[in-house]
Amino acid sequence: MLRHIVHRFGAWTMAGLAAVTLRAATPSQERADQFLRLVNAGYQALYRVENEAQWLASTDVTPAHDASSETAGRARAAFNGNPAIIREARDLLAHRTELSDLQVRQLERCLLNAAEGPMTNPTLVGNRIAAETAQASALNGFQFHLGGSNVVANDLDRLLSKSTDLSGRRLAWEASKATGPALKPGLVRLRDLRNDCAKEMGYPDYFALQVAGYGMSTEEMVRLNDQFMRDLRPLYLQLHTWTKHTLAKKYGQPVPKRIPAHWINNRWSQEWGGLVDAANIDRYFEGRDPAWVTRTAEEFYVGLAPREGTQRCSAALVHGRVVRSPQRHEH
């Protein structure tokens, strides 16, 4: 009796697996798989080329490297934003009930990627990429000045990290903000170009496009962030109070109502470091060259999800360019 039940159960199981296999091979899913294999292969290859070009342009600012970065950006947009890609993704999504959840999410991502450079309007996309390249070049090659001398961003960071001279700290902080006036005109134009690209794909503005990547509307995103602020306010007020007392003691000043920006070690106030003793891991890097740091970080990243096709950094990144300070060459 037991053997008969096991035999029948095995037959049912095999029949169920066969049914699942048959259901997984629908024409719409096969079509989607073929399309996504092409899109993923092209996207990954172009993404890597563009990122390497952008990295070189950001660490060694020259007209030639800017041109390479812009060309790589145009190539990425020509593929991701191709009207044929957009049409096929939309057509497949019109049959979303016949597709797997993973296929639907990848197709939706195809359209989000296309909206960054929709080649339904190639002139607009070309203008946006050129504007972004110009902005990146202006920022990465910006010449900072402090006390009548040319300095780099690392010099300002070092001073803000170690100095207790408030007048010197303020001069360094103000010097770090000199990029603003240089970037503002281009940012205004870039804002308009990004909004127009988003509108080309049916989004009201670029903010809506970015939020769509989280599967949310702009209203939902704003509400979520407002809720974060409300929930974290009690903790933030306690941390702010402790921090301003600690910094006032450090600099020998009265406790301020608000923390002056140049009191913080970070020029953007993104993090408030140097307030407590923390773990010192410098000894683990003694005797190591820059390439070892990059290679070890890459091995850790790849080890998180070992699978066929996981891409490694190019030799150009591993062999030193990642640690170079941005510099501009005049021609």
C-alpha atoms as a PDB file:
ATOM      1  CA  MET A   1       0.000   0.000   0.000  1.00  0.00           C
ATOM      2  CA  LEU A   2       2.752   2.429   0.996  1.00  0.00           C
ATOM      3  CA  ARG A   3       4.730   1.602  -2.157  1.00  0.00           C
ATOM      4  CA  HIS A   4       1.610   2.214  -4.242  1.00  0.00           C
ATOM      5  CA  ILE A   5       1.113   5.646  -2.616  1.00  0.00           C
ATOM      6  CA  VAL A   6       4.768   6.609  -3.163  1.00  0.00           C
ATOM      7  CA  HIS A   7       4.522   5.507  -6.781  1.00  0.00           C
ATOM      8  CA  ARG A   8       1.368   7.553  -7.340  1.00  0.00           C
ATOM      9  CA  PHE A   9       2.909  10.583  -5.540  1.00  0.00           C
ATOM     10  CA  GLY A  10       6.001  10.344  -7.733  1.00  0.00           C
ATOM     11  CA  ALA A  11       3.857  10.226 -10.837  1.00  0.00           C
ATOM     12  CA  TRP A  12       1.896  13.284  -9.728  1.00  0.00           C
ATOM     13  CA  THR A  13       5.113  15.157  -8.921  1.00  0.00           C
ATOM     14  CA  MET A  14       6.627  14.436 -12.322  1.00  0.00           C
ATOM     15  CA  ALA A  15       3.403  15.454 -13.995  1.00  0.00           C
ATOM     16  CA  GLY A  16       3.414  18.700 -12.032  1.00  0.00           C
ATOM     17  CA  LEU A  17       7.004  19.430 -12.970  1.00  0.00           C
ATOM     18  CA  ALA A  18       6.235  18.745 -16.597  1.00  0.00           C
ATOM     19  CA  ALA A  19       3.303  21.142 -16.429  1.00  0.00           C
ATOM     20  CA  VAL A  20       5.485  23.844 -14.876  1.00  0.00           C
ATOM     21  CA  THR A  21       8.105  23.287 -17.561  1.00  0.00           C
ATOM     22  CA  LEU A  22       5.496  23.588 -20.271  1.00  0.00           C
ATOM     23  CA  ARG A  23       4.068  26.746 -18.741  1.00  0.00           C
ATOM     24  CA  ALA A  24       7.521  28.321 -18.527  1.00  0.00           C
ATOM     25  CA  ALA A  25       8.061  28.018 -22.265  1.00  0.00           C
ATOM     26  CA  THR A  26       5.274  30.251 -23.579  1.00  0.00           C
ATOM     27  CA  PRO A  27       5.923  32.202 -26.794  1.00  0.00           C
ATOM     28  CA  SER A  28       5.762  35.555 -24.975  1.00  0.00           C
ATOM     29  CA  GLN A  29       8.326  34.431 -22.402  1.00  0.00           C
ATOM     30  CA  GLU A  30      10.644  33.024 -25.054  1.00  0.00           C
ATOM     31  CA  ARG A  31      10.394  36.272 -26.987  1.00  0.00           C
ATOM     32  CA  ALA A  32      11.102  38.266 -23.824  1.00  0.00           C
ATOM     33  CA  ASP A  33      14.098  36.081 -22.960  1.00  0.00           C
ATOM     34  CA  GLN A  34      15.621  36.532 -26.413  1.00  0.00           C
ATOM     35  CA  PHE A  35      15.104  40.290 -26.238  1.00  0.00           C
ATOM     36  CA  LEU A  36      16.490  40.597 -22.705  1.00  0.00           C
ATOM     37  CA  ARG A  37      19.583  38.538 -23.532  1.00  0.00           C
ATOM     38  CA  LEU A  38      20.391  40.995 -26.299  1.00  0.00           C
ATOM     39  CA  VAL A  39      19.646  44.064 -24.180  1.00  0.00           C
ATOM     40  CA  ASN A  40      21.575  42.813 -21.143  1.00  0.00           C
ATOM     41  CA  ALA A  41      24.648  41.933 -23.205  1.00  0.00           C
ATOM     42  CA  GLY A  42      24.684  45.307 -24.933  1.00  0.00           C
ATOM     43  CA  TYR A  43      23.940  47.230 -21.769  1.00  0.00           C
ATOM     44  CA  GLN A  44      26.656  45.573 -19.698  1.00  0.00           C
ATOM     45  CA  ALA A  45      29.318  46.044 -22.368  1.00  0.00           C
ATOM     46  CA  LEU A  46      28.463  49.700 -22.998  1.00  0.00           C
ATOM     47  CA  TYR A  47      28.072  50.430 -19.282  1.00  0.00           C
ATOM     48  CA  ARG A  48      31.580  49.188 -18.617  1.00  0.00           C
ATOM     49  CA  VAL A  49      33.088  51.163 -21.498  1.00  0.00           C
ATOM     50  CA  GLU A  50      31.309  54.339 -20.413  1.00  0.00           C
ATOM     51  CA  ASN A  51      32.303  53.977 -16.761  1.00  0.00           C
ATOM     52  CA  GLU A  52      35.949  53.440 -17.625  1.00  0.00           C
ATOM     53  CA  ALA A  53      35.888  56.480 -19.905  1.00  0.00           C
ATOM     54  CA  GLN A  54      34.203  58.577 -17.229  1.00  0.00           C
ATOM     55  CA  TRP A  55      36.713  57.461 -14.610  1.00  0.00           C
ATOM     56  CA  LEU A  56      39.646  58.404 -16.808  1.00  0.00           C
ATOM     57  CA  ALA A  57      38.045  61.769 -17.574  1.00  0.00           C
ATOM     58  CA  SER A  58      37.443  62.440 -13.868  1.00  0.00           C
ATOM     59  CA  THR A  59      40.965  61.529 -12.717  1.00  0.00           C
ATOM     60  CA  ASP A  60      42.941  63.000 -15.624  1.00  0.00           C
ATOM     61  CA  VAL A  61      41.011  65.955 -17.024  1.00  0.00           C
ATOM     62  CA  THR A  62      41.970  66.574 -20.649  1.00  0.00           C
ATOM     63  CA  PRO A  63      39.978  67.495 -23.773  1.00  0.00           C
ATOM     64  CA  ALA A  64      40.770  64.074 -25.211  1.00  0.00           C
ATOM     65  CA  HIS A  65      39.447  62.235 -22.165  1.00  0.00           C
ATOM     66  CA  ASP A  66      36.359  64.460 -22.077  1.00  0.00           C
ATOM     67  CA  ALA A  67      35.724  63.604 -25.730  1.00  0.00           C
ATOM     68  CA  SER A  68      36.107  59.883 -25.012  1.00  0.00           C
ATOM     69  CA  SER A  69      33.653  60.127 -22.121  1.00  0.00           C
ATOM     70  CA  GLU A  70      31.107  61.972 -24.243  1.00  0.00           C
ATOM     71  CA  THR A  71      31.471  59.483 -27.097  1.00  0.00           C
ATOM     72  CA  ALA A  72      30.957  56.552 -24.725  1.00  0.00           C
ATOM     73  CA  GLY A  73      27.857  58.266 -23.321  1.00  0.00           C
ATOM     74  CA  ARG A  74      26.452  58.716 -26.816  1.00  0.00           C
ATOM     75  CA  ALA A  75      27.082  55.047 -27.588  1.00  0.00           C
ATOM     76  CA  ARG A  76      25.267  53.973 -24.434  1.00  0.00           C
ATOM     77  CA  ALA A  77      22.295  56.196 -25.263  1.00  0.00           C
ATOM     78  CA  ALA A  78      22.221  55.050 -28.893  1.00  0.00           C
ATOM     79  CA  PHE A  79      21.671  51.495 -27.660  1.00  0.00           C
ATOM     80  CA  ASN A  80      19.586  51.905 -24.488  1.00  0.00           C
ATOM     81  CA  GLY A  81      17.409  54.622 -25.967  1.00  0.00           C
ATOM     82  CA  ASN A  82      17.029  53.093 -29.413  1.00  0.00           C
ATOM     83  CA  PRO A  83      13.389  53.416 -30.594  1.00  0.00           C
ATOM     84  CA  ALA A  84      13.391  49.697 -31.495  1.00  0.00           C
ATOM     85  CA  ILE A  85      14.344  48.826 -27.880  1.00  0.00           C
ATOM     86  CA  ILE A  86      11.589  51.079 -26.567  1.00  0.00           C
ATOM     87  CA  ARG A  87       8.949  49.654 -28.914  1.00  0.00           C
ATOM     88  CA  GLU A  88       9.799  46.035 -28.160  1.00  0.00           C
ATOM     89  CA  ALA A  89       9.864  46.577 -24.384  1.00  0.00           C
ATOM     90  CA  ARG A  90       6.500  48.329 -24.476  1.00  0.00           C
ATOM     91  CA  ASP A  91       5.002  45.664 -26.725  1.00  0.00           C
ATOM     92  CA  LEU A  92       6.155  42.884 -24.415  1.00  0.00           C
ATOM     93  CA  LEU A  93       4.838  44.710 -21.359  1.00  0.00           C
ATOM     94  CA  ALA A  94       1.448  44.916 -23.041  1.00  0.00           C
ATOM     95  CA  HIS A  95       1.356  41.133 -22.385  1.00  0.00           C
ATOM     96  CA  ARG A  96       2.758  41.300 -18.870  1.00  0.00           C
ATOM     97  CA  THR A  97       0.313  38.714 -17.531  1.00  0.00           C
ATOM     98  CA  GLU A  98       2.035  36.132 -19.747  1.00  0.00           C
ATOM     99  CA  LEU A  99       5.513  37.028 -18.465  1.00  0.00           C
ATOM    100  CA  SER A 100       7.404  36.192 -15.282  1.00  0.00           C
ATOM    101  CA  ASP A 101       7.829  38.805 -12.583  1.00  0.00           C
ATOM    102  CA  LEU A 102      11.566  38.984 -13.313  1.00  0.00           C
ATOM    103  CA  GLN A 103      10.951  39.585 -16.999  1.00  0.00           C
ATOM    104  CA  VAL A 104       8.460  42.355 -16.243  1.00  0.00           C
ATOM    105  CA  ARG A 105      10.894  44.092 -13.899  1.00  0.00           C
ATOM    106  CA  GLN A 106      13.737  43.879 -16.420  1.00  0.00           C
ATOM    107  CA  LEU A 107      11.553  45.250 -19.207  1.00  0.00           C
ATOM    108  CA  GLU A 108      10.459  48.132 -17.002  1.00  0.00           C
ATOM    109  CA  ARG A 109      14.120  48.819 -16.267  1.00  0.00           C
ATOM    110  CA  CYS A 110      14.799  48.868 -20.018  1.00  0.00           C
ATOM    111  CA  LEU A 111      12.324  51.723 -20.371  1.00  0.00           C
ATOM    112  CA  LEU A 112      13.802  53.569 -17.389  1.00  0.00           C
ATOM    113  CA  ASN A 113      17.255  53.268 -18.946  1.00  0.00           C
ATOM    114  CA  ALA A 114      15.874  54.467 -22.273  1.00  0.00           C
ATOM    115  CA  ALA A 115      14.392  57.543 -20.610  1.00  0.00           C
ATOM    116  CA  GLU A 116      17.891  58.666 -19.629  1.00  0.00           C
ATOM    117  CA  GLY A 117      18.699  59.083 -23.319  1.00  0.00           C
ATOM    118  CA  PRO A 118      15.650  58.538 -25.532  1.00  0.00           C
ATOM    119  CA  MET A 119      16.836  58.463 -29.131  1.00  0.00           C
ATOM    120  CA  THR A 120      13.369  59.399 -30.276  1.00  0.00           C
ATOM    121  CA  ASN A 121      14.948  62.844 -29.942  1.00  0.00           C
ATOM    122  CA  PRO A 122      18.666  62.402 -30.710  1.00  0.00           C
ATOM    123  CA  THR A 123      19.461  66.129 -30.709  1.00  0.00           C
ATOM    124  CA  LEU A 124      18.106  66.516 -27.187  1.00  0.00           C
ATOM    125  CA  VAL A 125      20.048  63.483 -25.960  1.00  0.00           C
ATOM    126  CA  GLY A 126      23.264  64.669 -27.579  1.00  0.00           C
ATOM    127  CA  ASN A 127      22.887  68.071 -25.920  1.00  0.00           C
ATOM    128  CA  ARG A 128      22.307  66.479 -22.546  1.00  0.00           C
ATOM    129  CA  ILE A 129      25.352  64.213 -22.768  1.00  0.00           C
ATOM    130  CA  ALA A 130      27.538  67.119 -23.907  1.00  0.00           C
ATOM    131  CA  ALA A 131      26.257  69.248 -21.011  1.00  0.00           C
ATOM    132  CA  GLU A 132      26.898  66.496 -18.464  1.00  0.00           C
ATOM    133  CA  THR A 133      30.406  65.970 -19.802  1.00  0.00           C
ATOM    134  CA  ALA A 134      31.128  69.700 -19.580  1.00  0.00           C
ATOM    135  CA  GLN A 135      29.830  69.862 -16.005  1.00  0.00           C
ATOM    136  CA  ALA A 136      31.887  66.877 -14.912  1.00  0.00           C
ATOM    137  CA  SER A 137      34.994  68.353 -16.542  1.00  0.00           C
ATOM    138  CA  ALA A 138      34.457  71.735 -14.862  1.00  0.00           C
ATOM    139  CA  LEU A 139      34.069  70.103 -11.446  1.00  0.00           C
ATOM    140  CA  ASN A 140      36.828  67.500 -11.692  1.00  0.00           C
ATOM    141  CA  GLY A 141      39.326  69.927 -13.175  1.00  0.00           C
ATOM    142  CA  PHE A 142      38.445  72.890 -10.953  1.00  0.00           C
ATOM    143  CA  GLN A 143      41.421  74.781  -9.597  1.00  0.00           C
ATOM    144  CA  PHE A 144      40.960  75.590  -5.914  1.00  0.00           C
ATOM    145  CA  HIS A 145      42.801  78.515  -4.300  1.00  0.00           C
ATOM    146  CA  LEU A 146      43.681  79.016  -0.661  1.00  0.00           C
ATOM    147  CA  GLY A 147      45.809  81.825   0.722  1.00  0.00           C
ATOM    148  CA  GLY A 148      46.927  82.871  -2.739  1.00  0.00           C
ATOM    149  CA  SER A 149      48.146  79.376  -3.650  1.00  0.00           C
ATOM    150  CA  ASN A 150      46.752  76.669  -5.869  1.00  0.00           C
ATOM    151  CA  VAL A 151      45.499  73.655  -3.922  1.00  0.00           C
ATOM    152  CA  VAL A 152      43.582  70.462  -4.678  1.00  0.00           C
ATOM    153  CA  ALA A 153      40.508  69.099  -2.942  1.00  0.00           C
ATOM    154  CA  ASN A 154      42.615  66.687  -0.882  1.00  0.00           C
ATOM    155  CA  ASP A 155      44.498  69.647   0.623  1.00  0.00           C
ATOM    156  CA  LEU A 156      41.223  71.191   1.777  1.00  0.00           C
ATOM    157  CA  ASP A 157      39.986  67.871   3.145  1.00  0.00           C
ATOM    158  CA  ARG A 158      43.227  67.363   5.037  1.00  0.00           C
ATOM    159  CA  LEU A 159      43.003  70.808   6.638  1.00  0.00           C
ATOM    160  CA  LEU A 160      39.372  70.334   7.658  1.00  0.00           C
ATOM    161  CA  SER A 161      40.199  66.923   9.075  1.00  0.00           C
ATOM    162  CA  LYS A 162      43.122  67.972  11.259  1.00  0.00           C
ATOM    163  CA  SER A 163      43.235  71.724  11.882  1.00  0.00           C
ATOM    164  CA  THR A 164      41.812  73.339  15.027  1.00  0.00           C
ATOM    165  CA  ASP A 165      42.388  76.890  13.734  1.00  0.00           C
ATOM    166  CA  LEU A 166      38.840  78.103  13.095  1.00  0.00           C
ATOM    167  CA  SER A 167      39.842  81.011  10.875  1.00  0.00           C
ATOM    168  CA  GLY A 168      41.917  78.685   8.693  1.00  0.00           C
ATOM    169  CA  ARG A 169      39.123  76.118   8.660  1.00  0.00           C
ATOM    170  CA  ARG A 170      36.626  78.724   7.494  1.00  0.00           C
ATOM    171  CA  LEU A 171      38.909  79.835   4.666  1.00  0.00           C
ATOM    172  CA  ALA A 172      39.321  76.211   3.572  1.00  0.00           C
ATOM    173  CA  TRP A 173      35.573  75.578   3.736  1.00  0.00           C
ATOM    174  CA  GLU A 174      34.811  78.717   1.719  1.00  0.00           C
ATOM    175  CA  ALA A 175      37.462  77.759  -0.836  1.00  0.00           C
ATOM    176  CA  SER A 176      35.778  74.378  -1.264  1.00  0.00           C
ATOM    177  CA  LYS A 177      32.533  76.141  -2.239  1.00  0.00           C
ATOM    178  CA  ALA A 178      34.116  78.133  -5.059  1.00  0.00           C
ATOM    179  CA  THR A 179      32.930  75.448  -7.470  1.00  0.00           C
ATOM    180  CA  GLY A 180      29.343  76.636  -7.062  1.00  0.00           C
ATOM    181  CA  PRO A 181      29.473  79.843  -9.128  1.00  0.00           C
ATOM    182  CA  ALA A 182      31.472  78.053 -11.825  1.00  0.00           C
ATOM    183  CA  LEU A 183      28.934  75.224 -12.094  1.00  0.00           C
ATOM    184  CA  LYS A 184      25.640  77.091 -11.658  1.00  0.00           C
ATOM    185  CA  PRO A 185      25.003  78.238 -15.251  1.00  0.00           C
ATOM    186  CA  GLY A 186      25.649  74.765 -16.628  1.00  0.00           C
ATOM    187  CA  LEU A 187      23.536  73.131 -13.926  1.00  0.00           C
ATOM    188  CA  VAL A 188      20.522  75.251 -14.817  1.00  0.00           C
ATOM    189  CA  ARG A 189      20.802  74.223 -18.464  1.00  0.00           C
ATOM    190  CA  LEU A 190      21.422  70.580 -17.527  1.00  0.00           C
ATOM    191  CA  ARG A 191      18.328  70.593 -15.314  1.00  0.00           C
ATOM    192  CA  ASP A 192      16.200  71.634 -18.282  1.00  0.00           C
ATOM    193  CA  LEU A 193      17.784  69.032 -20.576  1.00  0.00           C
ATOM    194  CA  ARG A 194      17.211  66.227 -18.062  1.00  0.00           C
ATOM    195  CA  ASN A 195      13.605  67.274 -17.576  1.00  0.00           C
ATOM    196  CA  ASP A 196      13.065  67.301 -21.337  1.00  0.00           C
ATOM    197  CA  CYS A 197      14.558  63.802 -21.682  1.00  0.00           C
ATOM    198  CA  ALA A 198      12.174  62.510 -19.011  1.00  0.00           C
ATOM    199  CA  LYS A 199       9.210  64.185 -20.706  1.00  0.00           C
ATOM    200  CA  GLU A 200      10.150  62.495 -23.979  1.00  0.00           C
ATOM    201  CA  MET A 201       9.242  59.184 -22.306  1.00  0.00           C
ATOM    202  CA  GLY A 202       6.092  60.440 -20.620  1.00  0.00           C
ATOM    203  CA  TYR A 203       7.402  61.528 -17.214  1.00  0.00           C
ATOM    204  CA  PRO A 204       6.489  65.012 -15.936  1.00  0.00           C
ATOM    205  CA  ASP A 205      10.097  65.758 -14.941  1.00  0.00           C
ATOM    206  CA  TYR A 206      13.454  64.170 -14.148  1.00  0.00           C
ATOM    207  CA  PHE A 207      12.607  63.763 -10.472  1.00  0.00           C
ATOM    208  CA  ALA A 208       9.615  61.613 -11.418  1.00  0.00           C
ATOM    209  CA  LEU A 209      11.874  59.479 -13.627  1.00  0.00           C
ATOM    210  CA  GLN A 210      14.373  58.905 -10.831  1.00  0.00           C
ATOM    211  CA  VAL A 211      11.659  58.041  -8.318  1.00  0.00           C
ATOM    212  CA  ALA A 212      10.060  55.622 -10.789  1.00  0.00           C
ATOM    213  CA  GLY A 213      13.141  53.453 -10.394  1.00  0.00           C
ATOM    214  CA  TYR A 214      11.922  52.687  -6.870  1.00  0.00           C
ATOM    215  CA  GLY A 215       8.434  51.857  -8.089  1.00  0.00           C
ATOM    216  CA  MET A 216       7.041  54.990  -6.451  1.00  0.00           C
ATOM    217  CA  SER A 217       5.416  58.274  -7.401  1.00  0.00           C
ATOM    218  CA  THR A 218       6.968  61.604  -6.432  1.00  0.00           C
ATOM    219  CA  GLU A 219       4.233  62.121  -3.846  1.00  0.00           C
ATOM    220  CA  GLU A 220       4.970  58.740  -2.262  1.00  0.00           C
ATOM    221  CA  MET A 221       8.703  59.458  -2.173  1.00  0.00           C
ATOM    222  CA  VAL A 222       8.212  62.870  -0.569  1.00  0.00           C
ATOM    223  CA  ARG A 223       5.852  61.399   2.038  1.00  0.00           C
ATOM    224  CA  LEU A 224       8.343  58.619   2.812  1.00  0.00           C
ATOM    225  CA  ASN A 225      11.187  61.084   3.335  1.00  0.00           C
ATOM    226  CA  ASP A 226       8.992  63.371   5.433  1.00  0.00           C
ATOM    227  CA  GLN A 227       8.191  60.359   7.600  1.00  0.00           C
ATOM    228  CA  PHE A 228      11.897  59.540   7.909  1.00  0.00           C
ATOM    229  CA  MET A 229      12.548  63.068   9.118  1.00  0.00           C
ATOM    230  CA  ARG A 230       9.756  62.900  11.685  1.00  0.00           C
ATOM    231  CA  ASP A 231      10.827  59.490  12.975  1.00  0.00           C
ATOM    232  CA  LEU A 232      14.513  60.400  13.217  1.00  0.00           C
ATOM    233  CA  ARG A 233      14.091  63.916  14.631  1.00  0.00           C
ATOM    234  CA  PRO A 234      14.265  62.910  18.345  1.00  0.00           C
ATOM    235  CA  LEU A 235      17.501  60.985  17.754  1.00  0.00           C
ATOM    236  CA  TYR A 236      18.911  63.731  15.511  1.00  0.00           C
ATOM    237  CA  LEU A 237      18.281  66.435  18.116  1.00  0.00           C
ATOM    238  CA  GLN A 238      20.136  64.416  20.758  1.00  0.00           C
ATOM    239  CA  LEU A 239      23.068  63.774  18.429  1.00  0.00           C
ATOM    240  CA  HIS A 240      23.132  67.419  17.325  1.00  0.00           C
ATOM    241  CA  THR A 241      23.167  68.631  20.936  1.00  0.00           C
ATOM    242  CA  TRP A 242      25.970  66.268  21.918  1.00  0.00           C
ATOM    243  CA  THR A 243      27.970  67.160  18.793  1.00  0.00           C
ATOM    244  CA  LYS A 244      27.793  70.922  19.209  1.00  0.00           C
ATOM    245  CA  HIS A 245      28.905  70.641  22.848  1.00  0.00           C
ATOM    246  CA  THR A 246      31.768  68.335  21.868  1.00  0.00           C
ATOM    247  CA  LEU A 247      32.929  70.627  19.055  1.00  0.00           C
ATOM    248  CA  ALA A 248      32.623  73.747  21.207  1.00  0.00           C
ATOM    249  CA  LYS A 249      34.910  72.122  23.756  1.00  0.00           C
ATOM    250  CA  LYS A 250      37.339  71.065  21.016  1.00  0.00           C
ATOM    251  CA  TYR A 251      37.641  74.589  19.615  1.00  0.00           C
ATOM    252  CA  GLY A 252      37.311  76.445  22.913  1.00  0.00           C
ATOM    253  CA  GLN A 253      34.174  78.288  21.836  1.00  0.00           C
ATOM    254  CA  PRO A 254      30.737  78.967  23.360  1.00  0.00           C
ATOM    255  CA  VAL A 255      28.157  76.339  22.510  1.00  0.00           C
ATOM    256  CA  PRO A 256      26.353  77.551  19.349  1.00  0.00           C
ATOM    257  CA  LYS A 257      22.659  77.144  18.609  1.00  0.00           C
ATOM    258  CA  ARG A 258      23.539  75.746  15.198  1.00  0.00           C
ATOM    259  CA  ILE A 259      26.795  74.036  14.252  1.00  0.00           C
ATOM    260  CA  PRO A 260      28.907  76.212  11.892  1.00  0.00           C
ATOM    261  CA  ALA A 261      29.664  74.285   8.717  1.00  0.00           C
ATOM    262  CA  HIS A 262      33.424  74.829   8.975  1.00  0.00           C
ATOM    263  CA  TRP A 263      33.468  73.119  12.391  1.00  0.00           C
ATOM    264  CA  ILE A 264      32.658  69.804  10.722  1.00  0.00           C
ATOM    265  CA  ASN A 265      35.489  67.679   9.323  1.00  0.00           C
ATOM    266  CA  ASN A 266      33.630  67.006   6.088  1.00  0.00           C
ATOM    267  CA  ARG A 267      33.296  69.900   3.626  1.00  0.00           C
ATOM    268  CA  TRP A 268      29.761  68.798   2.709  1.00  0.00           C
ATOM    269  CA  SER A 269      28.809  67.841   6.309  1.00  0.00           C
ATOM    270  CA  GLN A 270      27.859  64.430   4.945  1.00  0.00           C
ATOM    271  CA  GLU A 271      29.415  62.794   7.978  1.00  0.00           C
ATOM    272  CA  TRP A 272      30.597  64.086  11.329  1.00  0.00           C
ATOM    273  CA  GLY A 273      33.876  62.301  11.828  1.00  0.00           C
ATOM    274  CA  GLY A 274      36.671  62.791  14.324  1.00  0.00           C
ATOM    275  CA  LEU A 275      34.385  63.165  17.349  1.00  0.00           C
ATOM    276  CA  VAL A 276      35.209  59.861  19.051  1.00  0.00           C
ATOM    277  CA  ASP A 277      38.058  57.398  18.935  1.00  0.00           C
ATOM    278  CA  ALA A 278      37.375  54.813  16.259  1.00  0.00           C
ATOM    279  CA  ALA A 279      39.057  51.664  15.063  1.00  0.00           C
ATOM    280  CA  ASN A 280      42.356  52.390  13.338  1.00  0.00           C
ATOM    281  CA  ILE A 281      42.830  50.017  10.409  1.00  0.00           C
ATOM    282  CA  ASP A 282      45.864  51.758   8.923  1.00  0.00           C
ATOM    283  CA  ARG A 283      48.156  48.927  10.048  1.00  0.00           C
ATOM    284  CA  TYR A 284      46.356  46.525   7.723  1.00  0.00           C
ATOM    285  CA  PHE A 285      47.420  48.628   4.750  1.00  0.00           C
ATOM    286  CA  GLU A 286      51.079  49.061   5.688  1.00  0.00           C
ATOM    287  CA  GLY A 287      53.354  47.927   2.887  1.00  0.00           C
ATOM    288  CA  ARG A 288      50.484  47.532   0.436  1.00  0.00           C
ATOM    289  CA  ASP A 289      50.457  49.254  -2.925  1.00  0.00           C
ATOM    290  CA  PRO A 290      47.342  50.973  -4.353  1.00  0.00           C
ATOM    291  CA  ALA A 291      46.673  48.123  -6.774  1.00  0.00           C
ATOM    292  CA  TRP A 292      46.400  45.677  -3.857  1.00  0.00           C
ATOM    293  CA  VAL A 293      43.685  47.810  -2.247  1.00  0.00           C
ATOM    294  CA  THR A 294      41.627  47.879  -5.439  1.00  0.00           C
ATOM    295  CA  ARG A 295      42.173  44.212  -6.215  1.00  0.00           C
ATOM    296  CA  THR A 296      41.221  43.104  -2.679  1.00  0.00           C
ATOM    297  CA  ALA A 297      38.082  45.237  -2.704  1.00  0.00           C
ATOM    298  CA  GLU A 298      37.138  43.746  -6.068  1.00  0.00           C
ATOM    299  CA  GLU A 299      37.665  40.189  -4.809  1.00  0.00           C
ATOM    300  CA  PHE A 300      35.369  40.908  -1.872  1.00  0.00           C
ATOM    301  CA  TYR A 301      32.694  42.313  -4.199  1.00  0.00           C
ATOM    302  CA  VAL A 302      32.886  39.401  -6.637  1.00  0.00           C
ATOM    303  CA  GLY A 303      32.815  36.954  -3.733  1.00  0.00           C
ATOM    304  CA  LEU A 304      29.450  38.270  -2.582  1.00  0.00           C
ATOM    305  CA  ALA A 305      27.703  36.727  -5.582  1.00  0.00           C
ATOM    306  CA  PRO A 306      30.012  34.327  -7.401  1.00  0.00           C
ATOM    307  CA  ARG A 307      28.416  33.427 -10.690  1.00  0.00           C
ATOM    308  CA  GLU A 308      29.271  33.127 -14.313  1.00  0.00           C
ATOM    309  CA  GLY A 309      29.500  36.475 -16.037  1.00  0.00           C
ATOM    310  CA  THR A 310      30.411  38.562 -12.975  1.00  0.00           C
ATOM    311  CA  GLN A 311      32.640  41.266 -14.398  1.00  0.00           C
ATOM    312  CA  ARG A 312      35.886  42.350 -12.847  1.00  0.00           C
ATOM    313  CA  CYS A 313      37.513  45.757 -12.942  1.00  0.00           C
ATOM    314  CA  SER A 314      39.694  46.476 -15.921  1.00  0.00           C
ATOM    315  CA  ALA A 315      43.457  46.388 -15.576  1.00  0.00           C
ATOM    316  CA  ALA A 316      43.463  50.160 -16.065  1.00  0.00           C
ATOM    317  CA  LEU A 317      41.547  50.643 -12.829  1.00  0.00           C
ATOM    318  CA  VAL A 318      43.525  48.102 -10.845  1.00  0.00           C
ATOM    319  CA  HIS A 319      46.897  49.515 -11.813  1.00  0.00           C
ATOM    320  CA  GLY A 320      46.895  52.824 -10.067  1.00  0.00           C
ATOM    321  CA  ARG A 321      44.529  55.280 -11.721  1.00  0.00           C
ATOM    322  CA  VAL A 322      41.983  54.874  -8.941  1.00  0.00           C
ATOM    323  CA  VAL A 323      44.232  56.690  -6.483  1.00  0.00           C
ATOM    324  CA  ARG A 324      45.264  59.634  -8.635  1.00  0.00           C
ATOM    325  CA  SER A 325      44.068  63.082  -7.677  1.00  0.00           C
ATOM    326  CA  PRO A 326      42.023  64.806 -10.393  1.00  0.00           C
ATOM    327  CA  GLN A 327      44.143  67.105 -12.498  1.00  0.00           C
ATOM    328  CA  ARG A 328      43.605  69.280 -15.527  1.00  0.00           C
ATOM    329  CA  HIS A 329      45.990  69.550 -18.449  1.00  0.00           C
ATOM    330  CA  GLU A 330      45.888  72.749 -20.461  1.00  0.00           C
ATOM    331  CA  HIS A 331      46.333  72.516 -24.219  1.00  0.00           C
END
